[in-house]
């Protein structure tokens, strides 16, 4: 079936379709993953309920745009093999010539025999799917209002629900990928402008502390399981933290790291402990008491956006003697 569908599609004139999808991806800055999802939506409509035909069409269109997307067959089911540039979690993958290809849709039954199909030798398919979002999307507006405040700091504005919708089916990645992604530049500029005006008269450490306490107390905490249900582990992009009613440690760390970098111009790292995420900030003067470390010749001090009431340098007691994993994100 896969070969027959592929031949039928290849014999048709698909140039206009491919170019239309490619142009929409450029105009709306969809990036690789959302271009793939747009191809999926078109292929679903074209296939009219035939999921095998749908996936073959998806592979054909992605291949035509230069992506190294392949077909695999298991248990008479057609899967796509996606070459993500970043590490992806929770998905079955195959290694072909030293490269990882992740199955889509994932969830291959255990013990299944999987066969991959060769692509045409004359096809250019060198592109991986880069999951980091940059530049930002350019999408029609569907605004959702937010307000966040604590003590003397506050922000308000809107996030675009169309941007949020694109992020809901994103593959699970390393934390730094979410921090490095810029899905909505307008929201970021607004948040930075508001908070920068409110801390500009403060000393460096005081401003970093004020922002830390703002993130600790301005957002409501829930684990992903509490907010989304059993089995869900979801890290937020910056704008998602402003959209959803609750967030957890990695979401706050991503948010705080961006504020410190953009508002104060300080170097900041994402820091991973077993089961916990926080940040570390490079200050010119050490806090009165602190947990910290030297990294690339600079002194960094733990800043934990989830440890309510903790100042810069204060680490959760459970992690004081634990060597953290350092995660660069810019």
Protein backbone atom coordinates (compact mmCIF):
# COMPACT_ATOMS: atom_id res chain seq x y z
CA UNK A 1 0.00 0.00 0.00
CA UNK A 2 2.73 2.49 0.96
CA UNK A 3 4.59 2.00 -2.33
CA UNK A 4 1.39 2.20 -4.39
CA UNK A 5 0.26 5.40 -2.69
CA UNK A 6 3.71 6.92 -3.09
CA UNK A 7 3.78 6.17 -6.81
CA UNK A 8 0.32 7.67 -7.31
CA UNK A 9 1.30 10.85 -5.53
CA UNK A 10 4.62 11.07 -7.35
CA UNK A 11 2.88 10.76 -10.72
CA UNK A 12 0.58 13.67 -9.89
CA UNK A 13 1.60 17.32 -10.24
CA UNK A 14 2.27 18.28 -6.60
CA UNK A 15 4.52 21.29 -7.22
CA UNK A 16 1.83 23.91 -6.55
CA UNK A 17 0.75 22.15 -3.33
CA UNK A 18 4.31 21.91 -2.05
CA UNK A 19 5.06 25.52 -2.86
CA UNK A 20 1.83 26.73 -1.21
CA UNK A 21 2.66 24.93 2.05
CA UNK A 22 6.25 26.15 1.90
CA UNK A 23 5.11 29.76 1.39
CA UNK A 24 2.63 29.60 4.28
CA UNK A 25 5.38 28.21 6.51
CA UNK A 26 7.57 31.18 5.57
CA UNK A 27 4.82 33.80 5.90
CA UNK A 28 3.72 32.65 9.34
CA UNK A 29 7.23 31.61 10.49
CA UNK A 30 5.93 28.20 11.43
CA UNK A 31 9.31 26.57 11.97
CA UNK A 32 9.96 22.92 11.26
CA UNK A 33 7.60 21.25 13.74
CA UNK A 34 4.58 23.41 12.92
CA UNK A 35 5.30 23.05 9.21
CA UNK A 36 5.08 19.30 9.81
CA UNK A 37 1.76 19.76 11.63
CA UNK A 38 0.44 21.89 8.75
CA UNK A 39 1.42 19.10 6.35
CA UNK A 40 -0.41 16.65 8.61
CA UNK A 41 -3.57 18.77 8.56
CA UNK A 42 -3.52 19.03 4.77
CA UNK A 43 -2.79 15.31 4.33
CA UNK A 44 -5.62 14.36 6.68
CA UNK A 45 -8.06 16.38 4.61
CA UNK A 46 -6.71 14.94 1.34
CA UNK A 47 -6.76 11.30 2.51
CA UNK A 48 -10.42 11.42 3.63
CA UNK A 49 -10.01 8.96 6.46
CA UNK A 50 -7.40 6.65 4.94
CA UNK A 51 -4.60 6.94 7.50
CA UNK A 52 -2.13 5.00 5.35
CA UNK A 53 -2.63 7.39 2.45
CA UNK A 54 -2.41 10.31 4.88
CA UNK A 55 0.99 9.31 6.21
CA UNK A 56 2.41 8.57 2.80
CA UNK A 57 1.29 12.01 1.65
CA UNK A 58 2.88 13.56 4.72
CA UNK A 59 6.17 11.84 3.94
CA UNK A 60 6.02 12.86 0.30
CA UNK A 61 5.35 16.54 1.09
CA UNK A 62 8.03 16.75 3.79
CA UNK A 63 10.53 15.03 1.51
CA UNK A 64 9.63 17.47 -1.27
CA UNK A 65 10.52 20.34 1.06
CA UNK A 66 13.89 18.80 1.82
CA UNK A 67 13.21 17.08 5.14
CA UNK A 68 14.73 13.67 5.79
CA UNK A 69 11.38 12.11 6.74
CA UNK A 70 11.06 8.39 6.06
CA UNK A 71 8.42 5.67 6.19
CA UNK A 72 8.40 2.59 8.40
CA UNK A 73 5.93 -0.29 8.57
CA UNK A 74 5.03 -2.37 11.62
CA UNK A 75 2.01 -4.64 12.16
CA UNK A 76 0.56 -3.44 8.84
CA UNK A 77 0.66 0.11 10.18
CA UNK A 78 2.51 2.96 8.46
CA UNK A 79 4.65 5.19 10.64
CA UNK A 80 6.80 8.19 9.83
CA UNK A 81 10.43 8.41 10.91
CA UNK A 82 11.27 11.98 11.95
CA UNK A 83 14.86 13.23 12.24
CA UNK A 84 14.72 15.72 15.11
CA UNK A 85 17.77 17.91 15.60
CA UNK A 86 17.24 17.87 19.38
CA UNK A 87 16.89 14.98 21.81
CA UNK A 88 13.23 13.97 22.17
CA UNK A 89 11.81 11.99 25.10
CA UNK A 90 9.01 9.45 25.36
CA UNK A 91 9.19 8.42 21.69
CA UNK A 92 10.40 5.20 20.11
CA UNK A 93 13.30 5.73 17.73
CA UNK A 94 15.45 3.82 15.26
CA UNK A 95 19.08 4.48 14.43
CA UNK A 96 19.93 4.53 10.73
CA UNK A 97 23.52 5.20 9.68
CA UNK A 98 24.20 6.67 13.10
CA UNK A 99 21.21 9.06 13.01
CA UNK A 100 18.13 8.83 15.23
CA UNK A 101 14.69 8.74 13.62
CA UNK A 102 11.69 9.05 15.95
CA UNK A 103 8.47 7.21 15.13
CA UNK A 104 5.34 9.25 14.49
CA UNK A 105 2.85 8.58 15.84
CA UNK A 106 4.69 7.06 18.78
CA UNK A 107 3.42 4.14 20.83
CA UNK A 108 4.77 1.15 18.89
CA UNK A 109 3.57 -2.08 20.59
CA UNK A 110 6.36 -4.00 22.32
CA UNK A 111 7.81 -6.88 20.34
CA UNK A 112 6.80 -5.38 17.00
CA UNK A 113 8.93 -5.93 13.92
CA UNK A 114 9.64 -2.67 12.16
CA UNK A 115 10.71 -2.24 8.54
CA UNK A 116 11.90 1.03 7.01
CA UNK A 117 11.48 1.98 3.36
CA UNK A 118 14.22 3.45 1.21
CA UNK A 119 13.76 6.92 -0.23
CA UNK A 120 14.47 7.72 -3.88
CA UNK A 121 18.19 8.06 -4.51
CA UNK A 122 17.70 11.32 -6.42
CA UNK A 123 15.74 13.02 -3.60
CA UNK A 124 17.38 15.75 -1.55
CA UNK A 125 16.41 15.13 2.05
CA UNK A 126 19.15 16.53 4.23
CA UNK A 127 17.05 18.61 6.63
CA UNK A 128 16.37 17.65 10.23
CA UNK A 129 13.44 19.09 12.17
CA UNK A 130 14.77 21.84 14.42
CA UNK A 131 12.42 22.09 17.40
CA UNK A 132 13.76 25.38 18.79
CA UNK A 133 11.35 28.20 17.88
CA UNK A 134 13.28 31.20 16.57
CA UNK A 135 12.30 33.48 14.91
CA UNK A 136 8.91 33.92 16.56
CA UNK A 137 5.64 32.92 14.93
CA UNK A 138 3.63 35.49 12.95
CA UNK A 139 0.03 34.42 13.55
CA UNK A 140 -3.42 36.04 13.64
CA UNK A 141 -4.36 37.28 17.12
CA UNK A 142 -6.69 35.55 19.54
CA UNK A 143 -5.86 37.28 22.78
CA UNK A 144 -6.02 35.94 26.32
CA UNK A 145 -5.46 38.46 29.12
CA UNK A 146 -3.02 37.89 31.98
CA UNK A 147 -2.06 39.75 35.14
CA UNK A 148 0.76 38.75 37.48
CA UNK A 149 1.80 40.73 40.56
CA UNK A 150 3.68 40.44 43.81
CA UNK A 151 4.83 43.15 46.19
CA UNK A 152 5.84 46.17 44.10
CA UNK A 153 6.16 44.35 40.78
CA UNK A 154 3.36 43.62 38.34
CA UNK A 155 2.79 42.85 34.68
CA UNK A 156 -0.27 42.65 32.52
CA UNK A 157 -1.02 42.03 28.87
CA UNK A 158 -2.23 39.35 26.51
CA UNK A 159 -0.93 36.11 25.07
CA UNK A 160 -1.99 34.83 21.68
CA UNK A 161 -4.04 31.65 22.05
CA UNK A 162 -3.10 30.70 18.48
CA UNK A 163 0.53 30.52 19.60
CA UNK A 164 -0.43 28.46 22.65
CA UNK A 165 -2.37 26.02 20.45
CA UNK A 166 0.71 25.31 18.33
CA UNK A 167 2.69 24.40 21.44
CA UNK A 168 0.29 21.82 22.85
CA UNK A 169 1.47 18.84 20.80
CA UNK A 170 5.14 19.71 20.92
CA UNK A 171 7.52 16.79 21.48
CA UNK A 172 9.10 16.61 24.95
CA UNK A 173 12.59 18.14 24.81
CA UNK A 174 15.42 19.14 27.12
CA UNK A 175 14.66 22.17 29.28
CA UNK A 176 17.15 24.40 27.49
CA UNK A 177 15.19 24.00 24.22
CA UNK A 178 12.12 25.63 25.74
CA UNK A 179 14.22 28.43 27.22
CA UNK A 180 15.96 29.07 23.91
CA UNK A 181 12.69 29.19 21.98
CA UNK A 182 10.97 32.50 21.21
CA UNK A 183 7.39 31.80 20.20
CA UNK A 184 5.91 35.29 20.73
CA UNK A 185 8.35 38.19 20.60
CA UNK A 186 5.67 40.78 21.34
CA UNK A 187 4.75 39.23 24.70
CA UNK A 188 8.40 39.07 25.75
CA UNK A 189 9.08 42.69 24.84
CA UNK A 190 6.04 43.83 26.80
CA UNK A 191 6.96 41.85 29.94
CA UNK A 192 10.58 43.01 29.85
CA UNK A 193 9.61 46.65 29.30
CA UNK A 194 7.17 46.66 32.22
CA UNK A 195 9.49 44.99 34.74
CA UNK A 196 12.60 46.85 33.63
CA UNK A 197 10.93 50.16 34.44
CA UNK A 198 10.03 48.85 37.91
CA UNK A 199 13.52 47.64 38.89
CA UNK A 200 15.75 50.12 37.08
CA UNK A 201 16.55 52.13 40.25
CA UNK A 202 17.54 49.01 42.22
CA UNK A 203 21.05 47.67 42.76
CA UNK A 204 21.94 44.54 40.81
CA UNK A 205 21.37 42.02 43.62
CA UNK A 206 18.23 43.79 44.86
CA UNK A 207 16.71 43.71 41.38
CA UNK A 208 17.57 40.04 40.90
CA UNK A 209 16.00 39.27 44.28
CA UNK A 210 12.89 41.29 43.49
CA UNK A 211 12.42 39.39 40.24
CA UNK A 212 13.05 36.10 42.04
CA UNK A 213 10.38 36.78 44.66
CA UNK A 214 8.02 37.99 41.93
CA UNK A 215 8.26 34.63 40.13
CA UNK A 216 8.12 32.65 43.39
CA UNK A 217 4.93 34.33 44.57
CA UNK A 218 3.23 35.74 41.48
CA UNK A 219 2.47 32.34 39.97
CA UNK A 220 0.45 29.50 41.48
CA UNK A 221 2.29 26.17 41.79
CA UNK A 222 1.04 22.77 40.67
CA UNK A 223 2.84 19.79 39.25
CA UNK A 224 2.04 18.73 35.68
CA UNK A 225 0.20 15.73 37.08
CA UNK A 226 -2.00 17.94 39.26
CA UNK A 227 -2.78 20.36 36.43
CA UNK A 228 -3.03 18.03 33.42
CA UNK A 229 -3.54 14.53 34.83
CA UNK A 230 -1.61 11.32 35.40
CA UNK A 231 1.25 10.59 33.04
CA UNK A 232 1.63 14.15 31.77
CA UNK A 233 5.05 15.81 31.92
CA UNK A 234 5.06 19.13 30.11
CA UNK A 235 7.55 21.96 30.18
CA UNK A 236 6.26 25.42 29.31
CA UNK A 237 7.50 27.87 26.77
CA UNK A 238 7.73 31.42 28.18
CA UNK A 239 4.27 32.49 27.03
CA UNK A 240 2.59 29.32 28.31
CA UNK A 241 3.56 30.27 31.87
CA UNK A 242 1.48 33.42 31.40
CA UNK A 243 -1.43 31.47 29.93
CA UNK A 244 -1.97 28.48 32.18
CA UNK A 245 -3.23 28.95 35.77
CA UNK A 246 -0.39 26.90 37.33
CA UNK A 247 3.27 26.16 36.67
CA UNK A 248 6.07 24.11 38.22
CA UNK A 249 9.81 24.37 38.83
CA UNK A 250 11.12 24.11 35.27
CA UNK A 251 8.50 26.53 33.96
CA UNK A 252 9.42 29.12 36.57
CA UNK A 253 13.12 28.59 35.96
CA UNK A 254 12.72 29.20 32.24
CA UNK A 255 10.69 32.33 32.93
CA UNK A 256 13.05 33.74 35.58
CA UNK A 257 16.17 33.01 33.54
CA UNK A 258 14.82 35.06 30.66
CA UNK A 259 13.89 37.98 32.93
CA UNK A 260 17.35 38.11 34.51
CA UNK A 261 19.13 37.91 31.17
CA UNK A 262 17.01 40.47 29.34
CA UNK A 263 16.24 42.94 32.14
CA UNK A 264 19.48 42.88 34.13
CA UNK A 265 21.88 41.69 31.44
CA UNK A 266 23.34 39.03 33.76
CA UNK A 267 24.58 35.59 32.81
CA UNK A 268 22.15 32.96 34.03
CA UNK A 269 22.19 29.18 33.78
CA UNK A 270 19.45 26.61 34.08
CA UNK A 271 20.42 24.18 36.83
CA UNK A 272 19.09 20.64 37.15
CA UNK A 273 18.96 18.59 40.34
CA UNK A 274 17.38 15.11 40.60
CA UNK A 275 13.66 15.85 40.25
CA UNK A 276 14.09 19.62 40.49
CA UNK A 277 14.99 22.58 38.28
CA UNK A 278 16.22 26.04 39.24
CA UNK A 279 18.68 28.66 38.01
CA UNK A 280 22.08 30.11 38.89
CA UNK A 281 22.97 33.76 38.29
CA UNK A 282 26.42 35.35 37.92
CA UNK A 283 26.66 38.34 40.26
CA UNK A 284 29.55 40.77 40.65
CA UNK A 285 29.22 40.62 44.46
CA UNK A 286 28.48 37.42 46.39
CA UNK A 287 25.29 37.30 48.52
CA UNK A 288 25.73 37.18 52.33
CA UNK A 289 25.30 33.40 52.43
CA UNK A 290 25.04 31.21 49.44
CA UNK A 291 25.27 27.96 47.52
CA UNK A 292 27.21 28.52 44.35
CA UNK A 293 29.87 27.32 41.96
CA UNK A 294 32.44 28.51 39.44
CA UNK A 295 31.55 27.96 35.80
CA UNK A 296 33.77 29.10 32.93
CA UNK A 297 35.60 31.45 35.26
CA UNK A 298 32.50 33.16 36.68
CA UNK A 299 30.86 32.84 40.10
CA UNK A 300 27.25 31.67 39.88
CA UNK A 301 24.78 31.63 42.78
CA UNK A 302 21.71 29.42 43.05
CA UNK A 303 18.41 31.23 42.49
CA UNK A 304 15.40 29.01 43.03
CA UNK A 305 12.09 30.39 41.65
CA UNK A 306 10.14 27.60 43.40
CA UNK A 307 11.68 27.89 46.89
CA UNK A 308 9.24 30.45 48.29
CA UNK A 309 10.91 33.22 50.26
CA UNK A 310 14.46 32.17 49.36
CA UNK A 311 16.84 34.94 48.32
CA UNK A 312 19.63 34.65 45.78
CA UNK A 313 22.16 32.08 46.90
CA UNK A 314 19.74 30.02 48.99
CA UNK A 315 19.39 26.42 47.86
CA UNK A 316 16.76 23.91 48.96
CA UNK A 317 18.32 21.90 51.84
CA UNK A 318 17.88 18.61 49.96
CA UNK A 319 20.23 19.79 47.21
CA UNK A 320 22.90 21.78 49.05
CA UNK A 321 25.44 18.94 48.82
CA UNK A 322 24.36 17.76 45.35
CA UNK A 323 26.39 18.58 42.25
CA UNK A 324 23.93 20.17 39.80
CA UNK A 325 23.71 19.61 36.07
CA UNK A 326 24.51 22.84 34.23
CA UNK A 327 22.27 23.65 31.25
CA UNK A 328 23.29 26.46 28.89
CA UNK A 329 20.42 27.84 26.85
CA UNK A 330 21.71 30.80 24.83
